[in-house]
Amino acid sequence: MTIAPATTSIFLAAALLAGSAAASARTAESGGHALYRYTDDKGVQVLDDKVPPRYVAGGYEVLSRSGRVLKVVPPQLSGAELEAQQRRQARAEADRKLLKRYNSVADIESARKRKLAIVEQDMAIMRSNISSLQRQIKQEEASAARTQRNGGEVAPELLARIDNLREEVGVVRERLARRKKEAQALNDAFDRDAARYAEIANK
């Protein structure tokens, strides 16, 4: 079927008018003629063409002239409320990572054993080093004692070696003490993860 040119022009004009009307309607709904609904200091809801600055923090709604809600601006949070929100968000993120990292409480216990085994191995090596150093100290002290019993003077180098060995023992003992604290902290962290996982896994 062939449409005559005049008829085609009529259809095009009608379509353009319809599009223009729709655009005008959208502009009227969301354009600069919006209304604002807020609550004043007496608790009364007010509808106005602007929100006084002192009420902005309390939140407000943006409405079209026909009454349709276009946007909701929530109240600003106080310092304490903001901190509480941040804590909730941090907890939610930690929970998400926990559930992604482990498939069960048994997985957490397996990870605990692996990591604590590494720490225990380190501490065993440190204890062995301390024992070895203490044996060397005893040997050097025995040599110094023999020299003194024989009426001789203990060489300064020998005394220096004994002092150095004692310092080494002190250093390794400090490292061992730190490693023990790390092991305890690691164990506590796995306790918390296991308890939290059991709490949230079935939610």
N, C-alpha and C. Protein backbone atom coordinates (compact mmCIF):
# COMPACT_ATOMS: atom_id res chain seq x y z
N MET A 1 0.85 -1.20 0.00
CA MET A 1 0.00 0.00 0.00
C MET A 1 0.88 1.23 0.00
N THR A 2 0.61 2.19 -0.85
CA THR A 2 1.40 3.41 -0.97
C THR A 2 0.66 4.56 -0.32
N ILE A 3 1.37 5.29 0.63
CA ILE A 3 0.73 6.42 1.32
C ILE A 3 1.04 7.70 0.56
N ALA A 4 0.05 8.47 0.40
CA ALA A 4 0.23 9.71 -0.34
C ALA A 4 1.11 10.65 0.44
N PRO A 5 1.89 11.51 -0.25
CA PRO A 5 2.78 12.45 0.43
C PRO A 5 2.06 13.30 1.45
N ALA A 6 0.87 13.78 1.18
CA ALA A 6 0.15 14.65 2.12
C ALA A 6 -0.19 13.89 3.38
N THR A 7 -0.61 12.63 3.22
CA THR A 7 -0.95 11.81 4.38
C THR A 7 0.27 11.55 5.24
N THR A 8 1.43 11.30 4.59
CA THR A 8 2.68 11.07 5.31
C THR A 8 3.04 12.27 6.14
N SER A 9 2.88 13.45 5.59
CA SER A 9 3.20 14.68 6.33
C SER A 9 2.33 14.82 7.57
N ILE A 10 1.05 14.45 7.44
CA ILE A 10 0.14 14.54 8.58
C ILE A 10 0.60 13.62 9.69
N PHE A 11 0.99 12.37 9.31
CA PHE A 11 1.46 11.40 10.31
C PHE A 11 2.72 11.90 11.02
N LEU A 12 3.65 12.47 10.24
CA LEU A 12 4.89 12.97 10.82
C LEU A 12 4.63 14.11 11.78
N ALA A 13 3.74 14.99 11.41
CA ALA A 13 3.41 16.14 12.26
C ALA A 13 2.79 15.66 13.56
N ALA A 14 1.91 14.66 13.47
CA ALA A 14 1.25 14.13 14.66
C ALA A 14 2.27 13.49 15.60
N ALA A 15 3.23 12.75 15.02
CA ALA A 15 4.25 12.09 15.84
C ALA A 15 5.12 13.10 16.54
N LEU A 16 5.49 14.18 15.81
CA LEU A 16 6.32 15.22 16.42
C LEU A 16 5.60 15.91 17.56
N LEU A 17 4.33 16.17 17.36
CA LEU A 17 3.53 16.81 18.42
C LEU A 17 3.42 15.91 19.64
N ALA A 18 3.22 14.61 19.41
CA ALA A 18 3.11 13.66 20.53
C ALA A 18 4.41 13.60 21.30
N GLY A 19 5.56 13.55 20.56
CA GLY A 19 6.87 13.51 21.21
C GLY A 19 7.12 14.77 22.01
N SER A 20 6.75 15.91 21.45
CA SER A 20 6.94 17.19 22.15
C SER A 20 6.10 17.24 23.41
N ALA A 21 4.89 16.73 23.33
CA ALA A 21 4.00 16.73 24.51
C ALA A 21 4.56 15.85 25.61
N ALA A 22 5.11 14.67 25.21
CA ALA A 22 5.68 13.76 26.20
C ALA A 22 6.90 14.38 26.86
N ALA A 23 7.74 15.03 26.04
CA ALA A 23 8.94 15.68 26.60
C ALA A 23 8.54 16.79 27.55
N SER A 24 7.52 17.55 27.18
CA SER A 24 7.06 18.63 28.05
C SER A 24 6.55 18.09 29.38
N ALA A 25 5.85 16.95 29.29
CA ALA A 25 5.33 16.34 30.52
C ALA A 25 6.47 15.89 31.42
N ARG A 26 7.51 15.29 30.80
CA ARG A 26 8.65 14.85 31.61
C ARG A 26 9.37 16.03 32.24
N THR A 27 9.49 17.12 31.47
CA THR A 27 10.15 18.31 32.01
C THR A 27 9.36 18.89 33.17
N ALA A 28 8.05 18.90 33.03
CA ALA A 28 7.20 19.42 34.11
C ALA A 28 7.32 18.57 35.35
N GLU A 29 7.51 17.24 35.15
CA GLU A 29 7.60 16.33 36.29
C GLU A 29 8.93 16.48 37.01
N SER A 30 10.02 16.66 36.27
CA SER A 30 11.34 16.61 36.90
C SER A 30 12.15 17.89 36.76
N GLY A 31 11.60 18.90 36.19
CA GLY A 31 12.34 20.11 35.93
C GLY A 31 12.42 21.05 37.12
N GLY A 32 12.64 22.34 36.84
CA GLY A 32 12.87 23.33 37.88
C GLY A 32 11.62 23.73 38.64
N HIS A 33 10.46 23.21 38.34
CA HIS A 33 9.23 23.57 39.03
C HIS A 33 8.88 22.56 40.11
N ALA A 34 9.91 21.90 40.68
CA ALA A 34 9.66 20.87 41.69
C ALA A 34 9.24 21.52 43.01
N LEU A 35 8.62 20.70 43.83
CA LEU A 35 8.25 21.10 45.19
C LEU A 35 9.08 20.30 46.19
N TYR A 36 9.19 20.82 47.38
CA TYR A 36 9.99 20.16 48.42
C TYR A 36 9.15 19.96 49.67
N ARG A 37 9.23 18.75 50.21
CA ARG A 37 8.48 18.45 51.43
C ARG A 37 9.50 18.14 52.54
N TYR A 38 9.41 18.86 53.62
CA TYR A 38 10.32 18.68 54.75
C TYR A 38 9.55 18.85 56.05
N THR A 39 10.19 18.50 57.16
CA THR A 39 9.56 18.64 58.48
C THR A 39 10.23 19.78 59.21
N ASP A 40 9.39 20.72 59.71
CA ASP A 40 9.97 21.87 60.40
C ASP A 40 10.29 21.53 61.86
N ASP A 41 10.74 22.55 62.61
CA ASP A 41 11.16 22.31 63.99
C ASP A 41 10.01 22.01 64.94
N LYS A 42 8.77 22.13 64.45
CA LYS A 42 7.60 21.78 65.26
C LYS A 42 7.06 20.40 64.92
N GLY A 43 7.76 19.73 64.00
CA GLY A 43 7.33 18.39 63.61
C GLY A 43 6.25 18.39 62.56
N VAL A 44 5.99 19.54 61.93
CA VAL A 44 4.94 19.65 60.92
C VAL A 44 5.55 19.53 59.53
N GLN A 45 4.93 18.70 58.68
CA GLN A 45 5.41 18.58 57.31
C GLN A 45 5.01 19.81 56.51
N VAL A 46 5.98 20.36 55.77
CA VAL A 46 5.77 21.59 55.01
C VAL A 46 6.04 21.30 53.54
N LEU A 47 5.20 21.84 52.66
CA LEU A 47 5.40 21.72 51.21
C LEU A 47 5.73 23.10 50.68
N ASP A 48 6.88 23.25 50.06
CA ASP A 48 7.33 24.58 49.62
C ASP A 48 8.16 24.42 48.36
N ASP A 49 8.50 25.57 47.75
CA ASP A 49 9.33 25.50 46.54
C ASP A 49 10.81 25.53 46.85
N LYS A 50 11.16 25.52 48.13
CA LYS A 50 12.56 25.43 48.53
C LYS A 50 12.62 24.91 49.96
N VAL A 51 13.80 24.42 50.36
CA VAL A 51 14.01 23.95 51.73
C VAL A 51 14.92 24.95 52.45
N PRO A 52 14.45 25.56 53.52
CA PRO A 52 15.32 26.47 54.27
C PRO A 52 16.59 25.75 54.72
N PRO A 53 17.74 26.41 54.66
CA PRO A 53 19.01 25.75 55.00
C PRO A 53 19.01 25.02 56.34
N ARG A 54 18.30 25.57 57.33
CA ARG A 54 18.34 24.95 58.66
C ARG A 54 17.61 23.61 58.71
N TYR A 55 16.81 23.32 57.68
CA TYR A 55 16.07 22.06 57.66
C TYR A 55 16.68 21.02 56.70
N VAL A 56 17.71 21.41 55.96
CA VAL A 56 18.30 20.49 54.98
C VAL A 56 18.85 19.24 55.67
N ALA A 57 19.50 19.43 56.82
CA ALA A 57 20.11 18.29 57.51
C ALA A 57 19.07 17.26 57.96
N GLY A 58 17.83 17.69 58.11
CA GLY A 58 16.78 16.77 58.55
C GLY A 58 16.22 15.90 57.45
N GLY A 59 16.68 16.13 56.21
CA GLY A 59 16.19 15.34 55.08
C GLY A 59 14.92 15.95 54.49
N TYR A 60 14.64 15.59 53.24
CA TYR A 60 13.46 16.13 52.57
C TYR A 60 13.15 15.29 51.34
N GLU A 61 11.99 15.57 50.74
CA GLU A 61 11.58 14.89 49.52
C GLU A 61 11.40 15.92 48.41
N VAL A 62 11.74 15.51 47.19
CA VAL A 62 11.52 16.35 46.01
C VAL A 62 10.31 15.79 45.28
N LEU A 63 9.30 16.62 45.04
CA LEU A 63 8.05 16.17 44.41
C LEU A 63 7.80 16.95 43.12
N SER A 64 7.13 16.28 42.20
CA SER A 64 6.66 16.98 41.00
C SER A 64 5.43 17.79 41.37
N ARG A 65 5.01 18.65 40.45
CA ARG A 65 3.81 19.46 40.70
C ARG A 65 2.56 18.60 40.87
N SER A 66 2.62 17.40 40.29
CA SER A 66 1.47 16.51 40.42
C SER A 66 1.51 15.70 41.71
N GLY A 67 2.59 15.86 42.48
CA GLY A 67 2.67 15.16 43.76
C GLY A 67 3.48 13.88 43.73
N ARG A 68 4.08 13.55 42.59
CA ARG A 68 4.89 12.33 42.52
C ARG A 68 6.26 12.56 43.14
N VAL A 69 6.69 11.62 43.97
CA VAL A 69 8.00 11.75 44.63
C VAL A 69 9.09 11.46 43.61
N LEU A 70 9.94 12.43 43.38
CA LEU A 70 11.03 12.29 42.42
C LEU A 70 12.33 11.86 43.08
N LYS A 71 12.52 12.28 44.31
CA LYS A 71 13.78 12.00 45.00
C LYS A 71 13.58 12.11 46.50
N VAL A 72 14.27 11.25 47.24
CA VAL A 72 14.24 11.30 48.70
C VAL A 72 15.67 11.55 49.19
N VAL A 73 15.85 12.64 49.91
CA VAL A 73 17.15 12.97 50.49
C VAL A 73 17.09 12.62 51.97
N PRO A 74 17.83 11.60 52.40
CA PRO A 74 17.73 11.16 53.81
C PRO A 74 18.36 12.17 54.77
N PRO A 75 17.99 12.11 56.04
CA PRO A 75 18.60 13.01 57.04
C PRO A 75 20.09 12.74 57.14
N GLN A 76 20.84 13.79 57.43
CA GLN A 76 22.27 13.63 57.64
C GLN A 76 22.51 12.94 58.99
N LEU A 77 23.51 12.07 59.02
CA LEU A 77 23.79 11.32 60.24
C LEU A 77 24.62 12.15 61.21
N SER A 78 24.37 11.95 62.49
CA SER A 78 25.21 12.57 63.51
C SER A 78 26.54 11.83 63.56
N GLY A 79 27.48 12.36 64.33
CA GLY A 79 28.79 11.70 64.44
C GLY A 79 28.67 10.28 64.96
N ALA A 80 27.87 10.09 66.00
CA ALA A 80 27.70 8.76 66.58
C ALA A 80 26.99 7.82 65.61
N GLU A 81 25.98 8.36 64.89
CA GLU A 81 25.24 7.53 63.93
C GLU A 81 26.14 7.13 62.76
N LEU A 82 26.99 8.07 62.33
CA LEU A 82 27.90 7.78 61.23
C LEU A 82 28.91 6.70 61.63
N GLU A 83 29.42 6.80 62.86
CA GLU A 83 30.36 5.79 63.35
C GLU A 83 29.68 4.42 63.42
N ALA A 84 28.43 4.41 63.90
CA ALA A 84 27.70 3.14 63.99
C ALA A 84 27.47 2.55 62.60
N GLN A 85 27.15 3.40 61.64
CA GLN A 85 26.95 2.92 60.27
C GLN A 85 28.25 2.36 59.70
N GLN A 86 29.35 3.05 59.95
CA GLN A 86 30.65 2.57 59.46
C GLN A 86 31.03 1.24 60.09
N ARG A 87 30.70 1.09 61.39
CA ARG A 87 30.98 -0.19 62.05
C ARG A 87 30.16 -1.31 61.42
N ARG A 88 28.89 -1.03 61.14
CA ARG A 88 28.04 -2.05 60.51
C ARG A 88 28.56 -2.42 59.13
N GLN A 89 28.99 -1.43 58.37
CA GLN A 89 29.52 -1.69 57.04
C GLN A 89 30.81 -2.50 57.11
N ALA A 90 31.67 -2.14 58.08
CA ALA A 90 32.94 -2.87 58.24
C ALA A 90 32.67 -4.32 58.64
N ARG A 91 31.70 -4.52 59.53
CA ARG A 91 31.35 -5.88 59.95
C ARG A 91 30.80 -6.68 58.78
N ALA A 92 29.94 -6.05 57.98
CA ALA A 92 29.36 -6.74 56.82
C ALA A 92 30.45 -7.14 55.82
N GLU A 93 31.43 -6.25 55.62
CA GLU A 93 32.52 -6.56 54.69
C GLU A 93 33.39 -7.68 55.24
N ALA A 94 33.66 -7.64 56.55
CA ALA A 94 34.46 -8.71 57.17
C ALA A 94 33.73 -10.05 57.08
N ASP A 95 32.42 -10.03 57.28
CA ASP A 95 31.64 -11.27 57.15
C ASP A 95 31.69 -11.81 55.73
N ARG A 96 31.59 -10.90 54.76
CA ARG A 96 31.63 -11.33 53.35
C ARG A 96 32.96 -12.01 53.04
N LYS A 97 34.06 -11.42 53.51
CA LYS A 97 35.38 -12.00 53.26
C LYS A 97 35.55 -13.33 53.98
N LEU A 98 34.99 -13.42 55.19
CA LEU A 98 35.09 -14.66 55.96
C LEU A 98 34.38 -15.81 55.25
N LEU A 99 33.19 -15.54 54.75
CA LEU A 99 32.42 -16.57 54.05
C LEU A 99 33.07 -16.95 52.72
N LYS A 100 33.77 -15.99 52.11
CA LYS A 100 34.46 -16.28 50.86
C LYS A 100 35.73 -17.09 51.10
N ARG A 101 36.39 -16.85 52.25
CA ARG A 101 37.67 -17.51 52.53
C ARG A 101 37.50 -18.96 52.95
N TYR A 102 36.43 -19.25 53.70
CA TYR A 102 36.24 -20.59 54.24
C TYR A 102 34.89 -21.16 53.82
N ASN A 103 34.86 -22.50 53.70
CA ASN A 103 33.62 -23.18 53.36
C ASN A 103 32.92 -23.77 54.57
N SER A 104 33.64 -23.86 55.68
CA SER A 104 33.06 -24.44 56.90
C SER A 104 33.96 -24.12 58.07
N VAL A 105 33.45 -24.41 59.28
CA VAL A 105 34.26 -24.25 60.49
C VAL A 105 35.45 -25.20 60.45
N ALA A 106 35.25 -26.37 59.85
CA ALA A 106 36.34 -27.34 59.72
C ALA A 106 37.49 -26.76 58.90
N ASP A 107 37.17 -25.97 57.87
CA ASP A 107 38.21 -25.31 57.08
C ASP A 107 39.02 -24.35 57.95
N ILE A 108 38.32 -23.65 58.82
CA ILE A 108 39.00 -22.70 59.71
C ILE A 108 39.95 -23.44 60.64
N GLU A 109 39.50 -24.57 61.18
CA GLU A 109 40.35 -25.35 62.08
C GLU A 109 41.57 -25.91 61.35
N SER A 110 41.39 -26.30 60.11
CA SER A 110 42.53 -26.80 59.33
C SER A 110 43.55 -25.69 59.09
N ALA A 111 43.06 -24.49 58.77
CA ALA A 111 43.96 -23.36 58.57
C ALA A 111 44.68 -23.00 59.86
N ARG A 112 43.98 -23.11 60.99
CA ARG A 112 44.61 -22.85 62.28
C ARG A 112 45.79 -23.80 62.51
N LYS A 113 45.55 -25.07 62.27
CA LYS A 113 46.61 -26.07 62.50
C LYS A 113 47.83 -25.81 61.63
N ARG A 114 47.58 -25.46 60.36
CA ARG A 114 48.70 -25.22 59.45
C ARG A 114 49.54 -24.03 59.90
N LYS A 115 48.88 -22.95 60.24
CA LYS A 115 49.62 -21.74 60.61
C LYS A 115 50.30 -21.88 61.97
N LEU A 116 49.63 -22.51 62.91
CA LEU A 116 50.25 -22.71 64.22
C LEU A 116 51.42 -23.68 64.13
N ALA A 117 51.34 -24.64 63.22
CA ALA A 117 52.46 -25.58 63.05
C ALA A 117 53.71 -24.85 62.60
N ILE A 118 53.55 -23.87 61.71
CA ILE A 118 54.69 -23.08 61.24
C ILE A 118 55.30 -22.29 62.40
N VAL A 119 54.43 -21.68 63.21
CA VAL A 119 54.91 -20.88 64.35
C VAL A 119 55.61 -21.79 65.36
N GLU A 120 55.03 -22.94 65.64
CA GLU A 120 55.63 -23.87 66.60
C GLU A 120 57.00 -24.35 66.11
N GLN A 121 57.12 -24.56 64.81
CA GLN A 121 58.41 -24.97 64.25
C GLN A 121 59.46 -23.88 64.46
N ASP A 122 59.06 -22.62 64.22
CA ASP A 122 59.98 -21.51 64.45
C ASP A 122 60.43 -21.45 65.91
N MET A 123 59.46 -21.63 66.82
CA MET A 123 59.80 -21.55 68.24
C MET A 123 60.70 -22.71 68.66
N ALA A 124 60.48 -23.88 68.06
CA ALA A 124 61.33 -25.03 68.37
C ALA A 124 62.78 -24.76 67.96
N ILE A 125 62.95 -24.13 66.80
CA ILE A 125 64.30 -23.78 66.34
C ILE A 125 64.94 -22.78 67.29
N MET A 126 64.15 -21.79 67.74
CA MET A 126 64.69 -20.80 68.68
C MET A 126 65.10 -21.44 70.00
N ARG A 127 64.28 -22.36 70.50
CA ARG A 127 64.62 -23.04 71.76
C ARG A 127 65.91 -23.85 71.59
N SER A 128 66.04 -24.50 70.44
CA SER A 128 67.25 -25.26 70.17
C SER A 128 68.47 -24.35 70.12
N ASN A 129 68.32 -23.17 69.50
CA ASN A 129 69.42 -22.22 69.44
C ASN A 129 69.83 -21.73 70.83
N ILE A 130 68.82 -21.49 71.67
CA ILE A 130 69.11 -21.05 73.04
C ILE A 130 69.89 -22.13 73.79
N SER A 131 69.47 -23.37 73.64
CA SER A 131 70.17 -24.48 74.31
C SER A 131 71.61 -24.59 73.82
N SER A 132 71.81 -24.44 72.51
CA SER A 132 73.16 -24.52 71.95
C SER A 132 74.03 -23.39 72.48
N LEU A 133 73.48 -22.18 72.53
CA LEU A 133 74.24 -21.03 73.04
C LEU A 133 74.59 -21.20 74.52
N GLN A 134 73.63 -21.73 75.27
CA GLN A 134 73.89 -21.94 76.70
C GLN A 134 74.99 -22.99 76.92
N ARG A 135 75.04 -24.02 76.07
CA ARG A 135 76.11 -25.01 76.17
C ARG A 135 77.47 -24.36 75.88
N GLN A 136 77.48 -23.50 74.88
CA GLN A 136 78.73 -22.80 74.55
C GLN A 136 79.17 -21.90 75.70
N ILE A 137 78.20 -21.26 76.34
CA ILE A 137 78.53 -20.39 77.48
C ILE A 137 79.15 -21.22 78.61
N LYS A 138 78.55 -22.37 78.88
CA LYS A 138 79.08 -23.23 79.94
C LYS A 138 80.51 -23.69 79.63
N GLN A 139 80.73 -24.03 78.37
CA GLN A 139 82.07 -24.47 77.97
C GLN A 139 83.09 -23.34 78.13
N GLU A 140 82.72 -22.15 77.71
CA GLU A 140 83.65 -21.02 77.82
C GLU A 140 83.87 -20.65 79.30
N GLU A 141 82.80 -20.71 80.08
CA GLU A 141 82.94 -20.41 81.51
C GLU A 141 83.82 -21.45 82.20
N ALA A 142 83.65 -22.71 81.79
CA ALA A 142 84.49 -23.77 82.37
C ALA A 142 85.95 -23.53 82.02
N SER A 143 86.23 -23.11 80.80
CA SER A 143 87.61 -22.83 80.38
C SER A 143 88.18 -21.68 81.20
N ALA A 144 87.36 -20.64 81.42
CA ALA A 144 87.81 -19.50 82.21
C ALA A 144 88.08 -19.92 83.65
N ALA A 145 87.22 -20.79 84.18
CA ALA A 145 87.39 -21.25 85.57
C ALA A 145 88.68 -22.06 85.72
N ARG A 146 88.98 -22.91 84.75
CA ARG A 146 90.22 -23.70 84.81
C ARG A 146 91.45 -22.79 84.80
N THR A 147 91.37 -21.78 83.97
CA THR A 147 92.50 -20.84 83.89
C THR A 147 92.72 -20.16 85.24
N GLN A 148 91.61 -19.76 85.88
CA GLN A 148 91.73 -19.10 87.17
C GLN A 148 92.23 -20.06 88.24
N ARG A 149 91.77 -21.33 88.21
CA ARG A 149 92.22 -22.31 89.21
C ARG A 149 93.72 -22.58 89.08
N ASN A 150 94.18 -22.50 87.85
CA ASN A 150 95.60 -22.72 87.60
C ASN A 150 96.44 -21.47 87.84
N GLY A 151 95.77 -20.44 88.34
CA GLY A 151 96.49 -19.21 88.67
C GLY A 151 96.73 -18.29 87.50
N GLY A 152 96.12 -18.60 86.39
CA GLY A 152 96.30 -17.76 85.21
C GLY A 152 95.26 -16.64 85.13
N GLU A 153 95.45 -15.77 84.18
CA GLU A 153 94.51 -14.65 83.96
C GLU A 153 93.66 -14.97 82.73
N VAL A 154 92.37 -14.83 82.91
CA VAL A 154 91.44 -15.13 81.82
C VAL A 154 91.63 -14.11 80.70
N ALA A 155 91.77 -14.60 79.50
CA ALA A 155 91.98 -13.70 78.35
C ALA A 155 90.76 -12.82 78.11
N PRO A 156 90.99 -11.56 77.80
CA PRO A 156 89.86 -10.65 77.50
C PRO A 156 88.99 -11.15 76.35
N GLU A 157 89.63 -11.82 75.40
CA GLU A 157 88.87 -12.35 74.27
C GLU A 157 87.85 -13.39 74.71
N LEU A 158 88.26 -14.22 75.70
CA LEU A 158 87.35 -15.24 76.22
C LEU A 158 86.18 -14.60 76.94
N LEU A 159 86.46 -13.61 77.74
CA LEU A 159 85.39 -12.90 78.46
C LEU A 159 84.43 -12.21 77.47
N ALA A 160 85.01 -11.68 76.40
CA ALA A 160 84.18 -11.01 75.39
C ALA A 160 83.27 -12.02 74.69
N ARG A 161 83.82 -13.24 74.41
CA ARG A 161 83.00 -14.28 73.77
C ARG A 161 81.83 -14.67 74.68
N ILE A 162 82.10 -14.79 75.96
CA ILE A 162 81.04 -15.15 76.91
C ILE A 162 79.95 -14.07 76.93
N ASP A 163 80.37 -12.81 76.96
CA ASP A 163 79.40 -11.70 76.95
C ASP A 163 78.57 -11.71 75.67
N ASN A 164 79.23 -11.95 74.54
CA ASN A 164 78.51 -11.97 73.26
C ASN A 164 77.50 -13.12 73.20
N LEU A 165 77.91 -14.26 73.74
CA LEU A 165 77.00 -15.40 73.77
C LEU A 165 75.79 -15.11 74.64
N ARG A 166 76.00 -14.47 75.76
CA ARG A 166 74.89 -14.12 76.64
C ARG A 166 73.94 -13.13 75.96
N GLU A 167 74.52 -12.17 75.23
CA GLU A 167 73.69 -11.22 74.50
C GLU A 167 72.85 -11.93 73.44
N GLU A 168 73.49 -12.89 72.76
CA GLU A 168 72.75 -13.65 71.75
C GLU A 168 71.57 -14.40 72.37
N VAL A 169 71.81 -14.99 73.54
CA VAL A 169 70.72 -15.69 74.23
C VAL A 169 69.59 -14.73 74.53
N GLY A 170 69.91 -13.53 74.99
CA GLY A 170 68.88 -12.53 75.28
C GLY A 170 68.08 -12.15 74.05
N VAL A 171 68.78 -11.99 72.93
CA VAL A 171 68.10 -11.62 71.68
C VAL A 171 67.14 -12.72 71.23
N VAL A 172 67.63 -13.97 71.27
CA VAL A 172 66.78 -15.07 70.82
C VAL A 172 65.59 -15.26 71.76
N ARG A 173 65.80 -15.04 73.05
CA ARG A 173 64.69 -15.16 74.00
C ARG A 173 63.63 -14.09 73.74
N GLU A 174 64.04 -12.89 73.39
CA GLU A 174 63.07 -11.84 73.05
C GLU A 174 62.28 -12.22 71.81
N ARG A 175 62.98 -12.75 70.81
CA ARG A 175 62.28 -13.20 69.59
C ARG A 175 61.31 -14.33 69.91
N LEU A 176 61.71 -15.23 70.77
CA LEU A 176 60.85 -16.34 71.15
C LEU A 176 59.61 -15.83 71.88
N ALA A 177 59.79 -14.83 72.76
CA ALA A 177 58.65 -14.26 73.49
C ALA A 177 57.67 -13.60 72.53
N ARG A 178 58.21 -12.87 71.53
CA ARG A 178 57.33 -12.24 70.54
C ARG A 178 56.58 -13.28 69.73
N ARG A 179 57.27 -14.35 69.39
CA ARG A 179 56.63 -15.41 68.59
C ARG A 179 55.53 -16.09 69.40
N LYS A 180 55.74 -16.24 70.70
CA LYS A 180 54.69 -16.82 71.55
C LYS A 180 53.45 -15.93 71.55
N LYS A 181 53.68 -14.63 71.63
CA LYS A 181 52.54 -13.69 71.60
C LYS A 181 51.83 -13.76 70.26
N GLU A 182 52.61 -13.88 69.18
CA GLU A 182 52.00 -14.00 67.85
C GLU A 182 51.16 -15.27 67.76
N ALA A 183 51.66 -16.35 68.34
CA ALA A 183 50.92 -17.61 68.30
C ALA A 183 49.60 -17.48 69.06
N GLN A 184 49.64 -16.78 70.20
CA GLN A 184 48.42 -16.59 70.99
C GLN A 184 47.43 -15.71 70.24
N ALA A 185 47.95 -14.63 69.63
CA ALA A 185 47.08 -13.75 68.86
C ALA A 185 46.46 -14.48 67.67
N LEU A 186 47.26 -15.30 67.02
CA LEU A 186 46.78 -16.09 65.88
C LEU A 186 45.68 -17.05 66.32
N ASN A 187 45.90 -17.69 67.44
CA ASN A 187 44.92 -18.64 67.96
C ASN A 187 43.61 -17.92 68.32
N ASP A 188 43.73 -16.75 68.95
CA ASP A 188 42.55 -15.97 69.31
C ASP A 188 41.77 -15.54 68.07
N ALA A 189 42.51 -15.14 67.03
CA ALA A 189 41.86 -14.70 65.79
C ALA A 189 41.08 -15.85 65.14
N PHE A 190 41.66 -17.05 65.16
CA PHE A 190 40.94 -18.20 64.61
C PHE A 190 39.73 -18.55 65.46
N ASP A 191 39.84 -18.36 66.77
CA ASP A 191 38.67 -18.58 67.64
C ASP A 191 37.53 -17.64 67.24
N ARG A 192 37.87 -16.37 67.03
CA ARG A 192 36.84 -15.39 66.64
C ARG A 192 36.24 -15.73 65.27
N ASP A 193 37.11 -16.11 64.33
CA ASP A 193 36.61 -16.45 62.99
C ASP A 193 35.67 -17.66 63.04
N ALA A 194 36.05 -18.66 63.81
CA ALA A 194 35.22 -19.87 63.90
C ALA A 194 33.87 -19.55 64.53
N ALA A 195 33.90 -18.75 65.60
CA ALA A 195 32.64 -18.39 66.28
C ALA A 195 31.75 -17.55 65.37
N ARG A 196 32.34 -16.59 64.67
CA ARG A 196 31.56 -15.73 63.79
C ARG A 196 31.02 -16.51 62.60
N TYR A 197 31.83 -17.40 62.05
CA TYR A 197 31.38 -18.20 60.91
C TYR A 197 30.16 -19.05 61.30
N ALA A 198 30.26 -19.67 62.47
CA ALA A 198 29.14 -20.50 62.94
C ALA A 198 27.89 -19.66 63.13
N GLU A 199 28.08 -18.38 63.48
CA GLU A 199 26.94 -17.50 63.73
C GLU A 199 26.25 -17.05 62.45
N ILE A 200 27.04 -16.79 61.40
CA ILE A 200 26.45 -16.18 60.19
C ILE A 200 26.26 -17.17 59.04
N ALA A 201 26.86 -18.33 59.11
CA ALA A 201 26.85 -19.23 57.95
C ALA A 201 25.44 -19.65 57.54
N ASN A 202 24.56 -19.81 58.49
CA ASN A 202 23.21 -20.31 58.19
C ASN A 202 22.17 -19.23 58.13
N LYS A 203 22.61 -17.97 58.11
CA LYS A 203 21.62 -16.87 58.04
C LYS A 203 21.08 -16.72 56.62
